[in-house]
Amino acid sequence: MDDHQRLRYSRHLLLDGFGEDSQERLLASHAVVVGAGGLGSGALLYLASSGVGRITIADGDAVDLTNLQRQVVHRVDAIGTNKAVSAAATLATINPEVSVRALPERLGPEGLRALAREADVVLDCSDNFATRHAINEACVRERVPLVSGAAIRFDGQVAVFDPRKPGSGCYHCLFPADAHGEEERCATMGVFAPLVGVVGTMQAMEAIKLLAGIGDTLAGRMLLFDARAQRWHEVRLSRDPHCAVCGVPRAAAA
């Protein structure tokens, strides 16, 4: 770390238990963010400003006017531009020392697994169950911690799934892919603008803690946030021993 970086990240260096070693870990880390919408906006801004050395952004959608109510990483002149490309351009103005790669596409299972293989942490900032399950499976297979977030209407949630920890569950343990339920989307249900910033920033905080090796993460827990009542609620998560993704198949266990 040079003197310029010591000045830029000086408020981190003043923290008990942080110091240069932790900041050096951030500078040497690679974070993958899937989704550059509402959740990704808050997460990306803080990952870049905090000094995560490499950030890969994957998103196949383009910016439109309805996004600007909450997706603060994008600007009016980015309407019509791919979200990953737009977000990368904004991050370059915030911290040009960070290496940002934009993947302007919707990645399938193989692409997600390839990304997870080279990542130190993955942030799921997507907006649909199919992508969330594909990201989860990639992270379990490659043993990479996953920071998961979601927000709809006035309700948000954030959790960490860390396959490196014995007994740690995964996203599929909590929300099985074969469970029936109606998918809720911002386009039809609406979302309170600051809520996605709260959840996305929490995702960045958990990712930075994982990368820097500080504090206790949310692994094994989920935080639920009711923005209308301004209340947090914590739920303990347990691993499903027969989970189709991270568990032992029933036939093998029999």
Protein backbone atom coordinates (compact mmCIF):
# COMPACT_ATOMS: atom_id res chain seq x y z
CA MET A 1 0.00 0.00 0.00
CA ASP A 2 1.44 3.38 -1.01
CA ASP A 3 1.02 6.74 0.74
CA HIS A 4 -1.83 7.79 -1.56
CA GLN A 5 -3.77 4.65 -0.62
CA ARG A 6 -3.01 5.14 3.07
CA LEU A 7 -4.62 8.57 2.81
CA ARG A 8 -7.59 7.40 0.73
CA TYR A 9 -8.40 4.54 3.12
CA SER A 10 -7.24 6.28 6.30
CA ARG A 11 -10.64 6.02 7.99
CA HIS A 12 -10.47 2.25 7.62
CA LEU A 13 -6.94 2.18 8.98
CA LEU A 14 -8.06 4.00 12.14
CA LEU A 15 -10.48 1.21 13.04
CA ASP A 16 -9.61 -1.26 15.79
CA GLY A 17 -9.01 -4.68 14.25
CA PHE A 18 -8.84 -3.35 10.69
CA GLY A 19 -5.47 -1.78 9.89
CA GLU A 20 -3.25 -2.13 6.83
CA ASP A 21 -3.43 -5.91 6.71
CA SER A 22 -7.19 -5.86 6.26
CA GLN A 23 -7.05 -3.08 3.68
CA GLU A 24 -4.36 -4.98 1.79
CA ARG A 25 -6.67 -8.00 1.70
CA LEU A 26 -9.40 -5.83 0.18
CA LEU A 27 -7.04 -4.42 -2.43
CA ALA A 28 -6.03 -7.97 -3.43
CA SER A 29 -9.60 -9.33 -3.51
CA HIS A 30 -12.03 -10.07 -6.32
CA ALA A 31 -15.77 -9.55 -5.77
CA VAL A 32 -18.35 -10.72 -8.30
CA VAL A 33 -21.69 -8.87 -8.30
CA VAL A 34 -24.55 -10.43 -10.25
CA GLY A 35 -27.10 -7.72 -10.93
CA ALA A 36 -26.49 -3.98 -11.28
CA GLY A 37 -29.98 -2.86 -10.34
CA GLY A 38 -31.26 -1.55 -7.01
CA LEU A 39 -29.35 -3.93 -4.74
CA GLY A 40 -26.26 -3.90 -6.94
CA SER A 41 -26.17 -0.10 -6.95
CA GLY A 42 -25.60 0.26 -3.22
CA ALA A 43 -23.32 -2.74 -3.05
CA LEU A 44 -21.12 -1.66 -5.96
CA LEU A 45 -20.67 1.92 -4.78
CA TYR A 46 -19.34 0.79 -1.41
CA LEU A 47 -17.24 -2.09 -2.72
CA ALA A 48 -15.45 0.30 -5.06
CA SER A 49 -15.08 3.18 -2.61
CA SER A 50 -13.79 0.79 0.08
CA GLY A 51 -11.01 -0.45 -2.18
CA VAL A 52 -11.97 -3.94 -3.30
CA GLY A 53 -9.27 -4.40 -5.93
CA ARG A 54 -11.22 -6.26 -8.61
CA ILE A 55 -14.95 -6.11 -9.23
CA THR A 56 -16.82 -8.04 -11.91
CA ILE A 57 -20.36 -6.90 -12.72
CA ALA A 58 -22.74 -9.17 -14.64
CA ASP A 59 -26.08 -7.90 -15.91
CA GLY A 60 -27.83 -8.37 -19.24
CA ASP A 61 -30.43 -5.59 -18.87
CA ALA A 62 -30.38 -1.99 -20.09
CA VAL A 63 -31.08 1.09 -17.98
CA ASP A 64 -34.55 2.57 -18.38
CA LEU A 65 -36.31 5.54 -16.83
CA THR A 66 -38.19 3.49 -14.21
CA ASN A 67 -34.86 2.26 -12.79
CA LEU A 68 -33.66 5.72 -11.78
CA GLN A 69 -36.05 5.91 -8.80
CA ARG A 70 -33.75 3.53 -6.88
CA GLN A 71 -30.80 2.32 -8.98
CA VAL A 72 -28.43 5.10 -7.94
CA VAL A 73 -25.34 3.79 -9.72
CA HIS A 74 -26.93 4.85 -13.04
CA ARG A 75 -27.41 8.35 -14.45
CA VAL A 76 -29.99 9.84 -16.81
CA ASP A 77 -27.58 9.80 -19.75
CA ALA A 78 -27.15 6.02 -19.27
CA ILE A 79 -30.75 5.24 -20.30
CA GLY A 80 -30.56 2.59 -23.00
CA THR A 81 -27.05 1.52 -21.94
CA ASN A 82 -26.36 -1.93 -20.51
CA LYS A 83 -26.46 -1.81 -16.71
CA ALA A 84 -23.10 -3.52 -16.17
CA VAL A 85 -21.41 -1.08 -18.54
CA SER A 86 -23.18 1.91 -16.97
CA ALA A 87 -22.25 0.82 -13.44
CA ALA A 88 -18.62 0.27 -14.41
CA ALA A 89 -18.46 3.80 -15.83
CA THR A 90 -19.80 5.26 -12.58
CA LEU A 91 -17.37 3.26 -10.43
CA ALA A 92 -14.47 4.56 -12.53
CA THR A 93 -15.37 8.10 -11.44
CA ILE A 94 -15.48 7.07 -7.77
CA ASN A 95 -12.30 5.01 -7.53
CA PRO A 96 -10.26 4.70 -10.74
CA GLU A 97 -7.71 2.49 -8.95
CA VAL A 98 -10.21 -0.37 -8.78
CA SER A 99 -10.24 -2.78 -11.73
CA VAL A 100 -13.84 -3.16 -12.91
CA ARG A 101 -14.97 -5.67 -15.54
CA ALA A 102 -18.44 -5.40 -17.05
CA LEU A 103 -20.14 -8.52 -18.41
CA PRO A 104 -23.19 -7.22 -20.35
CA GLU A 105 -25.00 -10.55 -20.44
CA ARG A 106 -27.32 -12.82 -18.50
CA LEU A 107 -25.08 -15.65 -17.39
CA GLY A 108 -26.16 -19.28 -17.33
CA PRO A 109 -25.01 -21.95 -14.85
CA GLU A 110 -21.67 -22.58 -16.56
CA GLY A 111 -20.85 -18.89 -16.80
CA LEU A 112 -21.77 -18.32 -13.17
CA ARG A 113 -19.65 -21.25 -12.05
CA ALA A 114 -16.67 -19.95 -14.03
CA LEU A 115 -17.07 -16.57 -12.34
CA ALA A 116 -17.40 -18.10 -8.88
CA ARG A 117 -14.23 -20.10 -9.49
CA GLU A 118 -12.19 -16.91 -9.76
CA ALA A 119 -13.99 -14.91 -7.05
CA ASP A 120 -13.26 -14.39 -3.37
CA VAL A 121 -16.90 -13.50 -2.71
CA VAL A 122 -20.08 -13.40 -4.79
CA LEU A 123 -22.93 -10.96 -4.18
CA ASP A 124 -26.34 -12.03 -5.44
CA CYS A 125 -28.10 -8.80 -6.38
CA SER A 126 -30.36 -10.45 -8.95
CA ASP A 127 -34.14 -10.23 -9.10
CA ASN A 128 -35.39 -13.74 -9.93
CA PHE A 129 -35.32 -17.17 -8.31
CA ALA A 130 -33.81 -19.02 -11.27
CA THR A 131 -30.70 -16.82 -11.21
CA ARG A 132 -30.47 -16.95 -7.42
CA HIS A 133 -30.50 -20.74 -7.44
CA ALA A 134 -27.92 -20.89 -10.23
CA ILE A 135 -25.64 -18.50 -8.31
CA ASN A 136 -26.08 -20.53 -5.13
CA GLU A 137 -25.20 -23.79 -6.85
CA ALA A 138 -22.10 -22.22 -8.42
CA CYS A 139 -20.93 -20.91 -5.04
CA VAL A 140 -21.53 -24.24 -3.30
CA ARG A 141 -19.66 -26.15 -6.00
CA GLU A 142 -16.70 -23.74 -5.94
CA ARG A 143 -16.80 -23.24 -2.15
CA VAL A 144 -17.09 -19.46 -2.38
CA PRO A 145 -19.05 -17.37 0.16
CA LEU A 146 -22.30 -15.94 -1.14
CA VAL A 147 -23.90 -12.73 0.11
CA SER A 148 -27.59 -12.85 -0.75
CA GLY A 149 -30.03 -9.95 -0.72
CA ALA A 150 -33.62 -9.31 -1.77
CA ALA A 151 -36.08 -6.42 -1.54
CA ILE A 152 -39.69 -5.98 -2.61
CA ARG A 153 -42.33 -3.43 -1.59
CA PHE A 154 -41.27 -2.45 1.98
CA ASP A 155 -39.58 -5.76 2.91
CA GLY A 156 -35.92 -6.69 2.61
CA GLN A 157 -33.61 -9.53 3.59
CA VAL A 158 -29.89 -10.22 3.65
CA ALA A 159 -27.97 -13.40 4.47
CA VAL A 160 -24.54 -14.99 4.04
CA PHE A 161 -24.08 -18.58 2.90
CA ASP A 162 -20.49 -19.75 3.40
CA PRO A 163 -19.79 -23.28 2.12
CA ARG A 164 -16.32 -23.16 3.69
CA LYS A 165 -17.89 -23.43 7.14
CA PRO A 166 -18.83 -26.93 8.38
CA GLY A 167 -22.57 -27.26 8.78
CA SER A 168 -23.31 -24.06 6.88
CA GLY A 169 -26.48 -24.20 4.81
CA CYS A 170 -27.10 -22.71 1.38
CA TYR A 171 -29.83 -20.68 -0.33
CA HIS A 172 -31.52 -23.87 -1.53
CA CYS A 173 -31.82 -25.13 2.08
CA LEU A 174 -33.95 -22.07 2.82
CA PHE A 175 -35.78 -21.69 -0.49
CA PRO A 176 -35.91 -25.04 -2.33
CA ALA A 177 -35.96 -24.65 -6.09
CA ASP A 178 -38.95 -27.00 -6.40
CA ALA A 179 -41.07 -25.07 -3.89
CA HIS A 180 -44.18 -23.57 -5.44
CA GLY A 181 -44.75 -19.88 -5.01
CA GLU A 182 -45.43 -16.76 -7.00
CA GLU A 183 -42.33 -14.78 -7.88
CA GLU A 184 -42.63 -11.15 -6.86
CA ARG A 185 -41.01 -8.57 -9.13
CA CYS A 186 -40.48 -4.84 -8.66
CA ALA A 187 -42.12 -4.17 -12.02
CA THR A 188 -45.47 -5.47 -10.76
CA MET A 189 -45.26 -5.15 -6.96
CA GLY A 190 -43.31 -1.91 -6.53
CA VAL A 191 -40.38 -1.25 -4.19
CA PHE A 192 -39.57 1.53 -1.72
CA ALA A 193 -36.49 3.29 -3.15
CA PRO A 194 -34.29 3.58 -0.03
CA LEU A 195 -34.96 -0.07 0.89
CA VAL A 196 -32.77 -1.44 -1.89
CA GLY A 197 -30.00 0.92 -0.78
CA VAL A 198 -30.21 -0.38 2.79
CA VAL A 199 -30.07 -4.03 1.70
CA GLY A 200 -27.41 -3.48 -0.98
CA THR A 201 -25.21 -1.58 1.45
CA MET A 202 -25.62 -4.37 4.00
CA GLN A 203 -24.49 -6.81 1.31
CA ALA A 204 -21.39 -4.71 0.68
CA MET A 205 -20.68 -4.60 4.41
CA GLU A 206 -20.88 -8.38 4.75
CA ALA A 207 -18.71 -8.88 1.66
CA ILE A 208 -16.07 -6.45 2.93
CA LYS A 209 -16.00 -8.19 6.32
CA LEU A 210 -15.50 -11.54 4.59
CA LEU A 211 -12.74 -10.19 2.35
CA ALA A 212 -10.94 -8.23 5.07
CA GLY A 213 -11.26 -10.99 7.66
CA ILE A 214 -12.94 -8.83 10.31
CA GLY A 215 -15.94 -9.20 12.60
CA ASP A 216 -18.69 -11.80 12.59
CA THR A 217 -20.58 -12.32 9.34
CA LEU A 218 -24.22 -13.27 8.86
CA ALA A 219 -23.30 -16.88 8.03
CA GLY A 220 -26.02 -19.03 9.58
CA ARG A 221 -28.36 -16.07 10.03
CA MET A 222 -30.75 -13.99 7.97
CA LEU A 223 -31.79 -10.42 8.72
CA LEU A 224 -35.32 -9.40 7.73
CA PHE A 225 -36.11 -5.69 7.47
CA ASP A 226 -39.54 -4.05 7.56
CA ALA A 227 -38.91 -0.55 6.22
CA ARG A 228 -42.44 0.68 6.95
CA ALA A 229 -42.12 -0.15 10.67
CA GLN A 230 -38.32 0.38 10.73
CA ARG A 231 -37.71 -3.00 12.37
CA TRP A 232 -35.04 -5.68 11.96
CA HIS A 233 -35.70 -9.30 12.77
CA GLU A 234 -33.05 -12.04 12.90
CA VAL A 235 -33.72 -15.63 11.88
CA ARG A 236 -31.31 -18.50 12.53
CA LEU A 237 -30.65 -20.70 9.51
CA SER A 238 -29.88 -24.40 9.62
CA ARG A 239 -28.52 -26.70 6.97
CA ASP A 240 -30.84 -29.24 5.38
CA PRO A 241 -28.84 -32.50 5.52
CA HIS A 242 -30.73 -33.72 2.44
CA CYS A 243 -30.48 -30.47 0.46
CA ALA A 244 -30.21 -31.23 -3.26
CA VAL A 245 -27.36 -28.72 -3.60
CA CYS A 246 -25.22 -28.86 -0.43
CA GLY A 247 -26.54 -31.92 1.42
CA VAL A 248 -26.26 -35.68 1.19
CA PRO A 249 -28.83 -37.24 -1.17
CA ARG A 250 -31.39 -39.38 0.64
CA ALA A 251 -30.41 -42.48 -1.34
CA ALA A 252 -26.76 -42.10 -0.33
CA ALA A 253 -27.69 -41.45 3.29
CA ALA A 254 -29.95 -44.51 3.51
